[in-house]
Amino acid sequence: MRKYEAMFILVPDLEEEVRNNIIEKFKGIIEQNGTVEKVDEWGVRRLAYEIKHYAEGYYVVINFQGESSVVNELDRISKITEQVIRHMIVKEDE
């Protein structure tokens, strides 16, 4: 299994319960065929430029180990989740 880091920028005005459900959903996808090492919530930060009419976003970083199928599924789900403004998944150097 390879190590990955996924960053998600969520809509900043989500309720805490909805935000936690989205994070748990992503963790569940990872745990099907991998392991979550760390979830780091950075909170609301200003964006460099407006994305979908938002000047701020709620940042979440998840470090995990998994196969490429996990990355593909996480990418697919992130694209269809309306509350995700942007996402990026990168392979960490060993």
N, C-alpha and C. Protein backbone atom coordinates (compact mmCIF):
# COMPACT_ATOMS: atom_id res chain seq x y z
N MET A 1 0.84 -1.19 0.00
CA MET A 1 0.00 0.00 0.00
C MET A 1 0.88 1.25 0.00
N ARG A 2 0.40 2.26 -0.65
CA ARG A 2 1.12 3.52 -0.73
C ARG A 2 0.52 4.55 0.21
N LYS A 3 1.34 5.54 0.55
CA LYS A 3 0.86 6.63 1.42
C LYS A 3 0.37 7.78 0.55
N TYR A 4 -0.77 8.35 0.96
CA TYR A 4 -1.37 9.46 0.24
C TYR A 4 -1.77 10.55 1.21
N GLU A 5 -1.92 11.75 0.66
CA GLU A 5 -2.46 12.87 1.42
C GLU A 5 -3.59 13.47 0.58
N ALA A 6 -4.75 13.59 1.19
CA ALA A 6 -5.91 14.16 0.51
C ALA A 6 -6.30 15.46 1.21
N MET A 7 -6.51 16.51 0.42
CA MET A 7 -6.96 17.78 0.97
C MET A 7 -8.31 18.11 0.35
N PHE A 8 -9.25 18.45 1.20
CA PHE A 8 -10.58 18.82 0.75
C PHE A 8 -10.88 20.22 1.25
N ILE A 9 -11.45 21.04 0.40
CA ILE A 9 -11.93 22.37 0.81
C ILE A 9 -13.45 22.30 0.74
N LEU A 10 -14.08 22.41 1.90
CA LEU A 10 -15.53 22.33 2.00
C LEU A 10 -16.14 23.72 2.05
N VAL A 11 -17.43 23.79 1.77
CA VAL A 11 -18.18 25.04 1.88
C VAL A 11 -18.04 25.54 3.32
N PRO A 12 -17.70 26.82 3.53
CA PRO A 12 -17.38 27.29 4.87
C PRO A 12 -18.58 27.41 5.82
N ASP A 13 -19.78 27.55 5.30
CA ASP A 13 -20.93 27.78 6.17
C ASP A 13 -21.74 26.52 6.45
N LEU A 14 -21.10 25.35 6.39
CA LEU A 14 -21.80 24.11 6.72
C LEU A 14 -21.96 23.98 8.23
N GLU A 15 -23.05 23.34 8.62
CA GLU A 15 -23.22 23.04 10.05
C GLU A 15 -22.19 21.98 10.44
N GLU A 16 -21.81 21.97 11.71
CA GLU A 16 -20.78 21.05 12.19
C GLU A 16 -21.16 19.59 11.95
N GLU A 17 -22.43 19.27 12.16
CA GLU A 17 -22.89 17.89 11.98
C GLU A 17 -22.75 17.44 10.52
N VAL A 18 -23.13 18.30 9.60
CA VAL A 18 -23.02 17.97 8.17
C VAL A 18 -21.56 17.81 7.77
N ARG A 19 -20.72 18.73 8.25
CA ARG A 19 -19.28 18.67 7.96
C ARG A 19 -18.67 17.38 8.50
N ASN A 20 -19.03 17.00 9.72
CA ASN A 20 -18.51 15.77 10.31
C ASN A 20 -18.99 14.54 9.54
N ASN A 21 -20.23 14.56 9.04
CA ASN A 21 -20.74 13.45 8.24
C ASN A 21 -19.95 13.28 6.94
N ILE A 22 -19.59 14.39 6.31
CA ILE A 22 -18.81 14.33 5.07
C ILE A 22 -17.42 13.75 5.36
N ILE A 23 -16.79 14.20 6.43
CA ILE A 23 -15.46 13.70 6.80
C ILE A 23 -15.53 12.21 7.12
N GLU A 24 -16.56 11.79 7.85
CA GLU A 24 -16.74 10.37 8.17
C GLU A 24 -16.98 9.54 6.91
N LYS A 25 -17.70 10.12 5.95
CA LYS A 25 -17.95 9.44 4.68
C LYS A 25 -16.64 9.17 3.95
N PHE A 26 -15.75 10.18 3.90
CA PHE A 26 -14.46 10.02 3.26
C PHE A 26 -13.60 9.00 4.01
N LYS A 27 -13.63 9.05 5.34
CA LYS A 27 -12.87 8.08 6.13
C LYS A 27 -13.38 6.66 5.88
N GLY A 28 -14.69 6.50 5.76
CA GLY A 28 -15.27 5.18 5.49
C GLY A 28 -14.84 4.63 4.15
N ILE A 29 -14.76 5.48 3.14
CA ILE A 29 -14.30 5.06 1.82
C ILE A 29 -12.86 4.57 1.90
N ILE A 30 -12.03 5.31 2.61
CA ILE A 30 -10.62 4.94 2.75
C ILE A 30 -10.48 3.62 3.50
N GLU A 31 -11.26 3.44 4.58
CA GLU A 31 -11.12 2.27 5.44
C GLU A 31 -11.62 0.98 4.79
N GLN A 32 -12.34 1.08 3.67
CA GLN A 32 -12.77 -0.13 2.97
C GLN A 32 -11.58 -0.91 2.43
N ASN A 33 -10.56 -0.22 1.92
CA ASN A 33 -9.38 -0.88 1.35
C ASN A 33 -8.09 -0.19 1.76
N GLY A 34 -8.06 0.41 2.94
CA GLY A 34 -6.86 1.09 3.39
C GLY A 34 -6.98 1.47 4.85
N THR A 35 -6.07 2.32 5.29
CA THR A 35 -6.09 2.76 6.69
C THR A 35 -5.90 4.27 6.76
N VAL A 36 -6.66 4.90 7.63
CA VAL A 36 -6.54 6.34 7.87
C VAL A 36 -5.47 6.53 8.94
N GLU A 37 -4.46 7.32 8.63
CA GLU A 37 -3.40 7.58 9.59
C GLU A 37 -3.68 8.81 10.43
N LYS A 38 -4.21 9.86 9.77
CA LYS A 38 -4.41 11.12 10.50
C LYS A 38 -5.44 11.97 9.77
N VAL A 39 -6.31 12.61 10.54
CA VAL A 39 -7.26 13.58 10.00
C VAL A 39 -6.97 14.90 10.68
N ASP A 40 -6.67 15.92 9.86
CA ASP A 40 -6.31 17.23 10.39
C ASP A 40 -7.28 18.26 9.83
N GLU A 41 -8.08 18.86 10.71
CA GLU A 41 -9.02 19.89 10.29
C GLU A 41 -8.38 21.25 10.53
N TRP A 42 -8.12 21.97 9.45
CA TRP A 42 -7.48 23.27 9.56
C TRP A 42 -8.47 24.38 9.86
N GLY A 43 -9.73 24.15 9.60
CA GLY A 43 -10.73 25.18 9.84
C GLY A 43 -10.94 26.07 8.64
N VAL A 44 -11.61 27.19 8.87
CA VAL A 44 -11.94 28.13 7.80
C VAL A 44 -10.73 29.01 7.50
N ARG A 45 -10.37 29.05 6.22
CA ARG A 45 -9.26 29.88 5.78
C ARG A 45 -9.66 30.63 4.51
N ARG A 46 -9.02 31.73 4.29
CA ARG A 46 -9.28 32.54 3.11
C ARG A 46 -8.67 31.86 1.88
N LEU A 47 -9.42 31.84 0.79
CA LEU A 47 -8.94 31.28 -0.46
C LEU A 47 -8.13 32.32 -1.22
N ALA A 48 -7.22 31.89 -2.06
CA ALA A 48 -6.41 32.81 -2.86
C ALA A 48 -7.28 33.55 -3.88
N TYR A 49 -8.32 32.88 -4.35
CA TYR A 49 -9.27 33.49 -5.28
C TYR A 49 -10.63 32.84 -5.06
N GLU A 50 -11.67 33.49 -5.50
CA GLU A 50 -13.02 32.97 -5.29
C GLU A 50 -13.24 31.70 -6.09
N ILE A 51 -13.85 30.72 -5.44
CA ILE A 51 -14.22 29.47 -6.09
C ILE A 51 -15.70 29.27 -5.83
N LYS A 52 -16.48 29.17 -6.89
CA LYS A 52 -17.93 29.00 -6.79
C LYS A 52 -18.56 30.06 -5.88
N HIS A 53 -18.10 31.28 -5.99
CA HIS A 53 -18.59 32.44 -5.24
C HIS A 53 -18.26 32.39 -3.75
N TYR A 54 -17.28 31.59 -3.35
CA TYR A 54 -16.83 31.54 -1.96
C TYR A 54 -15.43 32.13 -1.86
N ALA A 55 -15.25 33.03 -0.89
CA ALA A 55 -13.93 33.63 -0.64
C ALA A 55 -13.19 32.87 0.45
N GLU A 56 -13.90 31.99 1.19
CA GLU A 56 -13.30 31.19 2.25
C GLU A 56 -13.72 29.74 2.08
N GLY A 57 -12.96 28.85 2.71
CA GLY A 57 -13.30 27.43 2.67
C GLY A 57 -12.84 26.74 3.94
N TYR A 58 -13.44 25.61 4.25
CA TYR A 58 -13.08 24.82 5.43
C TYR A 58 -12.14 23.72 4.96
N TYR A 59 -10.89 23.76 5.42
CA TYR A 59 -9.87 22.83 4.96
C TYR A 59 -9.81 21.58 5.83
N VAL A 60 -9.71 20.42 5.18
CA VAL A 60 -9.54 19.14 5.86
C VAL A 60 -8.44 18.38 5.14
N VAL A 61 -7.45 17.87 5.90
CA VAL A 61 -6.36 17.08 5.33
C VAL A 61 -6.42 15.68 5.94
N ILE A 62 -6.41 14.65 5.09
CA ILE A 62 -6.44 13.26 5.55
C ILE A 62 -5.21 12.55 5.01
N ASN A 63 -4.39 12.01 5.91
CA ASN A 63 -3.26 11.17 5.53
C ASN A 63 -3.70 9.72 5.65
N PHE A 64 -3.43 8.94 4.61
CA PHE A 64 -3.88 7.54 4.63
C PHE A 64 -2.97 6.66 3.79
N GLN A 65 -3.13 5.35 3.99
CA GLN A 65 -2.47 4.34 3.17
C GLN A 65 -3.55 3.57 2.44
N GLY A 66 -3.28 3.26 1.17
CA GLY A 66 -4.28 2.52 0.42
C GLY A 66 -3.82 2.20 -0.98
N GLU A 67 -4.66 1.49 -1.69
CA GLU A 67 -4.41 1.12 -3.08
C GLU A 67 -4.93 2.23 -3.99
N SER A 68 -4.62 2.12 -5.26
CA SER A 68 -5.07 3.13 -6.22
C SER A 68 -6.59 3.13 -6.36
N SER A 69 -7.24 2.00 -6.09
CA SER A 69 -8.71 1.94 -6.17
C SER A 69 -9.35 2.87 -5.13
N VAL A 70 -8.72 3.00 -3.97
CA VAL A 70 -9.22 3.91 -2.93
C VAL A 70 -9.13 5.35 -3.42
N VAL A 71 -8.02 5.68 -4.05
CA VAL A 71 -7.82 7.04 -4.56
C VAL A 71 -8.85 7.35 -5.63
N ASN A 72 -9.08 6.40 -6.53
CA ASN A 72 -10.06 6.60 -7.60
C ASN A 72 -11.47 6.82 -7.05
N GLU A 73 -11.85 6.02 -6.06
CA GLU A 73 -13.19 6.14 -5.47
C GLU A 73 -13.32 7.46 -4.70
N LEU A 74 -12.29 7.83 -3.97
CA LEU A 74 -12.30 9.09 -3.22
C LEU A 74 -12.41 10.28 -4.17
N ASP A 75 -11.70 10.22 -5.28
CA ASP A 75 -11.76 11.27 -6.29
C ASP A 75 -13.15 11.36 -6.89
N ARG A 76 -13.75 10.22 -7.20
CA ARG A 76 -15.09 10.18 -7.80
C ARG A 76 -16.13 10.76 -6.86
N ILE A 77 -16.09 10.36 -5.59
CA ILE A 77 -17.06 10.83 -4.61
C ILE A 77 -16.88 12.33 -4.35
N SER A 78 -15.64 12.80 -4.33
CA SER A 78 -15.37 14.22 -4.10
C SER A 78 -15.96 15.08 -5.22
N LYS A 79 -15.90 14.58 -6.44
CA LYS A 79 -16.41 15.34 -7.57
C LYS A 79 -17.94 15.48 -7.54
N ILE A 80 -18.64 14.49 -6.98
CA ILE A 80 -20.10 14.55 -6.99
C ILE A 80 -20.70 15.07 -5.68
N THR A 81 -19.85 15.32 -4.68
CA THR A 81 -20.32 15.88 -3.41
C THR A 81 -20.39 17.40 -3.55
N GLU A 82 -21.59 17.95 -3.45
CA GLU A 82 -21.81 19.38 -3.67
C GLU A 82 -21.09 20.26 -2.66
N GLN A 83 -20.88 19.78 -1.45
CA GLN A 83 -20.27 20.60 -0.40
C GLN A 83 -18.76 20.71 -0.55
N VAL A 84 -18.15 19.94 -1.46
CA VAL A 84 -16.71 20.01 -1.69
C VAL A 84 -16.44 21.04 -2.78
N ILE A 85 -15.72 22.10 -2.41
CA ILE A 85 -15.38 23.14 -3.38
C ILE A 85 -14.22 22.67 -4.25
N ARG A 86 -13.16 22.17 -3.62
CA ARG A 86 -11.97 21.67 -4.31
C ARG A 86 -11.42 20.48 -3.54
N HIS A 87 -10.70 19.62 -4.24
CA HIS A 87 -10.00 18.52 -3.58
C HIS A 87 -8.73 18.20 -4.34
N MET A 88 -7.78 17.60 -3.63
CA MET A 88 -6.54 17.18 -4.26
C MET A 88 -5.99 15.98 -3.48
N ILE A 89 -5.57 14.96 -4.21
CA ILE A 89 -5.00 13.76 -3.60
C ILE A 89 -3.62 13.56 -4.20
N VAL A 90 -2.60 13.51 -3.35
CA VAL A 90 -1.22 13.33 -3.82
C VAL A 90 -0.57 12.15 -3.12
N LYS A 91 0.34 11.50 -3.85
CA LYS A 91 1.11 10.40 -3.27
C LYS A 91 2.28 11.00 -2.51
N GLU A 92 2.50 10.55 -1.28
CA GLU A 92 3.59 11.05 -0.47
C GLU A 92 4.87 10.32 -0.85
N ASP A 93 6.00 11.03 -0.76
CA ASP A 93 7.30 10.40 -1.01
C ASP A 93 7.63 9.47 0.13
N GLU A 94 8.36 8.43 -0.20
CA GLU A 94 8.73 7.46 0.84
C GLU A 94 10.08 7.74 1.42
